[in-house]
N, C-alpha and C. Protein backbone atom coordinates (compact mmCIF):
# COMPACT_ATOMS: atom_id res chain seq x y z
N UNK A 1 -18.35 6.39 14.14
CA UNK A 1 -18.68 5.00 14.36
C UNK A 1 -17.78 4.10 13.51
N UNK A 2 -17.54 4.49 12.25
CA UNK A 2 -16.68 3.68 11.40
C UNK A 2 -15.25 3.63 11.91
N UNK A 3 -14.77 4.72 12.45
CA UNK A 3 -13.41 4.74 12.99
C UNK A 3 -13.28 3.77 14.15
N UNK A 4 -14.28 3.73 15.01
CA UNK A 4 -14.26 2.81 16.15
C UNK A 4 -14.29 1.37 15.67
N UNK A 5 -15.13 1.07 14.69
CA UNK A 5 -15.20 -0.29 14.15
C UNK A 5 -13.90 -0.68 13.47
N UNK A 6 -13.32 0.25 12.73
CA UNK A 6 -12.05 -0.01 12.04
C UNK A 6 -10.95 -0.32 13.05
N UNK A 7 -10.85 0.46 14.09
CA UNK A 7 -9.83 0.24 15.12
C UNK A 7 -10.06 -1.09 15.84
N UNK A 8 -11.31 -1.42 16.12
CA UNK A 8 -11.63 -2.68 16.79
C UNK A 8 -11.24 -3.88 15.93
N UNK A 9 -11.54 -3.82 14.65
CA UNK A 9 -11.21 -4.92 13.74
C UNK A 9 -9.69 -5.08 13.64
N UNK A 10 -8.98 -3.98 13.52
CA UNK A 10 -7.52 -4.05 13.44
C UNK A 10 -6.94 -4.67 14.71
N UNK A 11 -7.40 -4.21 15.86
CA UNK A 11 -6.86 -4.73 17.11
C UNK A 11 -7.24 -6.18 17.35
N UNK A 12 -8.35 -6.62 16.78
CA UNK A 12 -8.78 -8.01 16.95
C UNK A 12 -7.97 -8.96 16.09
N UNK A 13 -7.69 -8.59 14.85
CA UNK A 13 -7.08 -9.52 13.91
C UNK A 13 -5.56 -9.47 13.83
N UNK A 14 -4.95 -8.42 14.36
CA UNK A 14 -3.49 -8.30 14.28
C UNK A 14 -2.87 -9.01 15.48
N UNK A 15 -1.81 -9.76 15.24
CA UNK A 15 -1.11 -10.44 16.33
C UNK A 15 -0.62 -9.41 17.35
N UNK A 16 -0.58 -9.84 18.60
CA UNK A 16 -0.25 -8.92 19.69
C UNK A 16 1.13 -8.28 19.52
N UNK A 17 2.11 -9.03 19.01
CA UNK A 17 3.46 -8.47 18.89
C UNK A 17 3.56 -7.40 17.81
N UNK A 18 2.58 -7.36 16.87
CA UNK A 18 2.61 -6.37 15.79
C UNK A 18 1.58 -5.26 15.98
N UNK A 19 0.77 -5.35 17.00
CA UNK A 19 -0.34 -4.42 17.16
C UNK A 19 0.11 -2.97 17.26
N UNK A 20 1.16 -2.70 18.02
CA UNK A 20 1.64 -1.32 18.16
C UNK A 20 2.13 -0.74 16.84
N UNK A 21 2.83 -1.56 16.06
CA UNK A 21 3.32 -1.09 14.76
C UNK A 21 2.18 -0.79 13.80
N UNK A 22 1.20 -1.70 13.78
CA UNK A 22 0.06 -1.52 12.88
C UNK A 22 -0.75 -0.29 13.28
N UNK A 23 -0.97 -0.11 14.56
CA UNK A 23 -1.74 1.04 15.00
C UNK A 23 -1.00 2.35 14.73
N UNK A 24 0.33 2.34 14.82
CA UNK A 24 1.07 3.57 14.52
C UNK A 24 0.96 3.93 13.04
N UNK A 25 0.98 2.92 12.18
CA UNK A 25 0.80 3.18 10.75
C UNK A 25 -0.61 3.71 10.49
N UNK A 26 -1.61 3.13 11.17
CA UNK A 26 -2.99 3.60 11.00
C UNK A 26 -3.10 5.07 11.42
N UNK A 27 -2.52 5.42 12.56
CA UNK A 27 -2.58 6.80 13.02
C UNK A 27 -1.81 7.74 12.09
N UNK A 28 -0.69 7.28 11.56
CA UNK A 28 0.08 8.11 10.63
C UNK A 28 -0.73 8.41 9.37
N UNK A 29 -1.38 7.40 8.81
CA UNK A 29 -2.16 7.64 7.60
C UNK A 29 -3.37 8.51 7.88
N UNK A 30 -3.96 8.37 9.06
CA UNK A 30 -5.10 9.21 9.40
C UNK A 30 -4.65 10.67 9.54
N UNK A 31 -3.50 10.89 10.16
CA UNK A 31 -2.98 12.25 10.32
C UNK A 31 -2.47 12.84 9.03
N UNK A 32 -1.98 11.98 8.13
CA UNK A 32 -1.47 12.46 6.85
C UNK A 32 -2.58 12.98 5.96
N UNK A 33 -3.83 12.59 6.23
CA UNK A 33 -4.93 13.09 5.41
C UNK A 33 -5.10 14.60 5.56
N UNK A 34 -4.70 15.16 6.68
CA UNK A 34 -4.78 16.61 6.86
C UNK A 34 -3.81 17.32 5.91
N UNK A 35 -2.64 16.73 5.70
CA UNK A 35 -1.70 17.32 4.74
C UNK A 35 -2.25 17.26 3.33
N UNK A 36 -2.91 16.16 2.99
CA UNK A 36 -3.54 16.05 1.68
C UNK A 36 -4.63 17.10 1.49
N UNK A 37 -5.37 17.37 2.56
CA UNK A 37 -6.40 18.40 2.50
C UNK A 37 -5.82 19.78 2.25
N UNK A 38 -4.68 20.07 2.87
CA UNK A 38 -4.02 21.35 2.64
C UNK A 38 -3.57 21.48 1.19
N UNK A 39 -2.98 20.39 0.67
CA UNK A 39 -2.52 20.42 -0.72
C UNK A 39 -3.69 20.58 -1.69
N UNK A 40 -4.76 19.85 -1.46
CA UNK A 40 -5.93 19.95 -2.35
C UNK A 40 -6.56 21.35 -2.27
N UNK A 41 -6.59 21.93 -1.07
CA UNK A 41 -7.12 23.29 -0.94
C UNK A 41 -6.27 24.30 -1.69
N UNK A 42 -4.95 24.13 -1.62
CA UNK A 42 -4.05 25.02 -2.35
C UNK A 42 -4.28 24.89 -3.85
N UNK A 43 -4.34 23.64 -4.34
CA UNK A 43 -4.55 23.43 -5.78
C UNK A 43 -5.89 23.99 -6.24
N UNK A 44 -6.92 23.80 -5.42
CA UNK A 44 -8.25 24.32 -5.78
C UNK A 44 -8.26 25.85 -5.79
N UNK A 45 -7.50 26.46 -4.91
CA UNK A 45 -7.47 27.92 -4.87
C UNK A 45 -6.66 28.49 -6.04
N UNK A 46 -5.54 27.84 -6.37
CA UNK A 46 -4.70 28.32 -7.46
C UNK A 46 -5.31 28.06 -8.83
N UNK A 47 -5.96 26.94 -9.00
CA UNK A 47 -6.54 26.58 -10.30
C UNK A 47 -8.05 26.55 -10.15
N UNK A 48 -8.62 25.39 -9.98
CA UNK A 48 -10.04 25.25 -9.65
C UNK A 48 -10.26 23.85 -9.07
N UNK A 49 -11.45 23.62 -8.53
CA UNK A 49 -11.71 22.36 -7.84
C UNK A 49 -11.62 21.14 -8.76
N UNK A 50 -12.16 21.19 -10.00
CA UNK A 50 -12.03 20.02 -10.86
C UNK A 50 -10.58 19.67 -11.19
N UNK A 51 -9.74 20.68 -11.36
CA UNK A 51 -8.32 20.41 -11.63
C UNK A 51 -7.66 19.78 -10.41
N UNK A 52 -7.97 20.28 -9.23
CA UNK A 52 -7.42 19.72 -8.00
C UNK A 52 -7.84 18.26 -7.85
N UNK A 53 -9.10 17.95 -8.11
CA UNK A 53 -9.58 16.57 -8.00
C UNK A 53 -8.94 15.68 -9.05
N UNK A 54 -8.72 16.20 -10.25
CA UNK A 54 -8.08 15.42 -11.30
C UNK A 54 -6.63 15.10 -10.92
N UNK A 55 -5.93 16.08 -10.42
CA UNK A 55 -4.54 15.85 -9.99
C UNK A 55 -4.50 14.85 -8.84
N UNK A 56 -5.36 15.04 -7.85
CA UNK A 56 -5.39 14.13 -6.71
C UNK A 56 -5.74 12.70 -7.12
N UNK A 57 -6.74 12.56 -7.99
CA UNK A 57 -7.11 11.23 -8.48
C UNK A 57 -6.01 10.58 -9.29
N UNK A 58 -5.32 11.37 -10.10
CA UNK A 58 -4.22 10.82 -10.89
C UNK A 58 -3.08 10.32 -10.00
N UNK A 59 -2.79 11.06 -8.96
CA UNK A 59 -1.74 10.63 -8.02
C UNK A 59 -2.15 9.34 -7.33
N UNK A 60 -3.40 9.23 -6.93
CA UNK A 60 -3.88 8.00 -6.27
C UNK A 60 -3.81 6.81 -7.23
N UNK A 61 -4.23 6.99 -8.48
CA UNK A 61 -4.18 5.90 -9.46
C UNK A 61 -2.74 5.47 -9.71
N UNK A 62 -1.84 6.42 -9.87
CA UNK A 62 -0.44 6.08 -10.12
C UNK A 62 0.17 5.37 -8.91
N UNK A 63 -0.12 5.84 -7.71
CA UNK A 63 0.43 5.21 -6.51
C UNK A 63 -0.13 3.80 -6.34
N UNK A 64 -1.41 3.62 -6.62
CA UNK A 64 -2.03 2.30 -6.51
C UNK A 64 -1.42 1.33 -7.51
N UNK A 65 -1.20 1.78 -8.74
CA UNK A 65 -0.58 0.93 -9.75
C UNK A 65 0.84 0.54 -9.36
N UNK A 66 1.59 1.50 -8.84
CA UNK A 66 2.98 1.22 -8.44
C UNK A 66 3.03 0.24 -7.26
N UNK A 67 2.23 0.48 -6.25
CA UNK A 67 2.21 -0.42 -5.09
C UNK A 67 1.69 -1.80 -5.49
N UNK A 68 0.66 -1.84 -6.31
CA UNK A 68 0.13 -3.12 -6.77
C UNK A 68 1.15 -3.92 -7.55
N UNK A 69 1.88 -3.25 -8.42
CA UNK A 69 2.91 -3.93 -9.20
C UNK A 69 3.99 -4.49 -8.29
N UNK A 70 4.42 -3.72 -7.32
CA UNK A 70 5.45 -4.20 -6.39
C UNK A 70 4.95 -5.36 -5.53
N UNK A 71 3.69 -5.29 -5.12
CA UNK A 71 3.14 -6.41 -4.35
C UNK A 71 3.06 -7.68 -5.19
N UNK A 72 2.62 -7.55 -6.43
CA UNK A 72 2.56 -8.72 -7.30
C UNK A 72 3.93 -9.33 -7.50
N UNK A 73 4.92 -8.48 -7.69
CA UNK A 73 6.28 -9.00 -7.86
C UNK A 73 6.79 -9.68 -6.60
N UNK A 74 6.46 -9.13 -5.44
CA UNK A 74 6.94 -9.74 -4.20
C UNK A 74 6.28 -11.09 -3.93
N UNK A 75 5.07 -11.30 -4.45
CA UNK A 75 4.40 -12.58 -4.29
C UNK A 75 4.68 -13.53 -5.45
N UNK A 76 5.48 -13.09 -6.41
CA UNK A 76 5.89 -13.97 -7.50
C UNK A 76 4.87 -14.12 -8.61
N UNK A 77 3.86 -13.25 -8.68
CA UNK A 77 2.87 -13.37 -9.73
C UNK A 77 2.92 -12.22 -10.73
N UNK A 78 3.91 -11.37 -10.60
CA UNK A 78 4.02 -10.21 -11.49
C UNK A 78 4.81 -10.54 -12.74
N UNK A 79 5.37 -9.51 -13.32
CA UNK A 79 6.09 -9.67 -14.58
C UNK A 79 7.58 -9.83 -14.38
N UNK A 80 7.98 -10.36 -13.23
CA UNK A 80 9.40 -10.57 -12.99
C UNK A 80 9.89 -11.73 -13.85
N UNK A 81 11.17 -11.75 -14.18
CA UNK A 81 11.68 -12.80 -15.04
C UNK A 81 11.55 -14.18 -14.39
N UNK A 82 11.39 -15.19 -15.23
CA UNK A 82 11.25 -16.56 -14.74
C UNK A 82 12.59 -17.05 -14.22
N UNK A 83 12.57 -17.98 -13.27
CA UNK A 83 13.84 -18.52 -12.76
C UNK A 83 14.53 -19.34 -13.84
N UNK A 84 15.84 -19.49 -13.75
CA UNK A 84 16.56 -20.25 -14.77
C UNK A 84 16.14 -21.72 -14.75
N UNK A 85 16.18 -22.39 -15.89
CA UNK A 85 15.78 -23.80 -15.92
C UNK A 85 16.74 -24.67 -15.12
N UNK A 86 16.22 -25.77 -14.61
CA UNK A 86 17.04 -26.69 -13.83
C UNK A 86 17.94 -27.51 -14.75
N UNK A 87 19.06 -27.87 -14.22
CA UNK A 87 19.97 -28.72 -14.97
C UNK A 87 19.44 -30.15 -14.95
N UNK A 88 19.65 -30.89 -16.03
CA UNK A 88 19.17 -32.29 -16.04
C UNK A 88 19.85 -33.09 -14.93
N UNK A 89 19.05 -33.87 -14.25
CA UNK A 89 19.56 -34.72 -13.19
C UNK A 89 19.68 -34.03 -11.84
N UNK A 90 19.39 -32.73 -11.76
CA UNK A 90 19.49 -32.00 -10.48
C UNK A 90 18.29 -32.33 -9.62
N UNK A 91 18.51 -32.46 -8.33
CA UNK A 91 17.41 -32.74 -7.40
C UNK A 91 17.17 -31.52 -6.54
N UNK A 92 16.00 -31.49 -5.95
CA UNK A 92 15.65 -30.37 -5.07
C UNK A 92 15.82 -30.73 -3.62
N UNK A 93 16.31 -31.95 -3.33
CA UNK A 93 16.49 -32.37 -1.94
C UNK A 93 17.68 -31.62 -1.33
N UNK A 94 17.56 -31.30 -0.05
CA UNK A 94 18.66 -30.62 0.62
C UNK A 94 19.63 -31.68 1.18
N UNK A 95 20.86 -31.31 1.23
CA UNK A 95 21.89 -32.20 1.77
C UNK A 95 22.00 -31.96 3.26
N UNK A 96 21.93 -33.03 4.04
CA UNK A 96 22.03 -32.85 5.50
C UNK A 96 23.29 -33.45 6.05
C-alpha cells in the first residue's frame, strides 16, 4: 500500500516532462535495495548481524553527511568561501 501511495504522490507532484526520469530513479533505488541485502547478508554471515548493521548504518550516516554537505553548498548556505567584496562605486545594474 505504501509503494502505491509513494508512486501516486511522485506522479502527481512531478512535472510531466520530468516524470519518466524521476520514476526511473525511483525504480533504480528500489532495485538497488536487493544488492544492499546481499551485501548485508554476506557481512552478517562472515562476522555477525550487529557488525553488519553497524557497518551499514555507518555507510548511511557518511553518505547522508556527504550529500547534505554538497546540497548545502549548492544552495549557498554551506561552508563555501564568501564572494569577494565589491569595489567602491560598482553597481549591480546590467548594461543593455
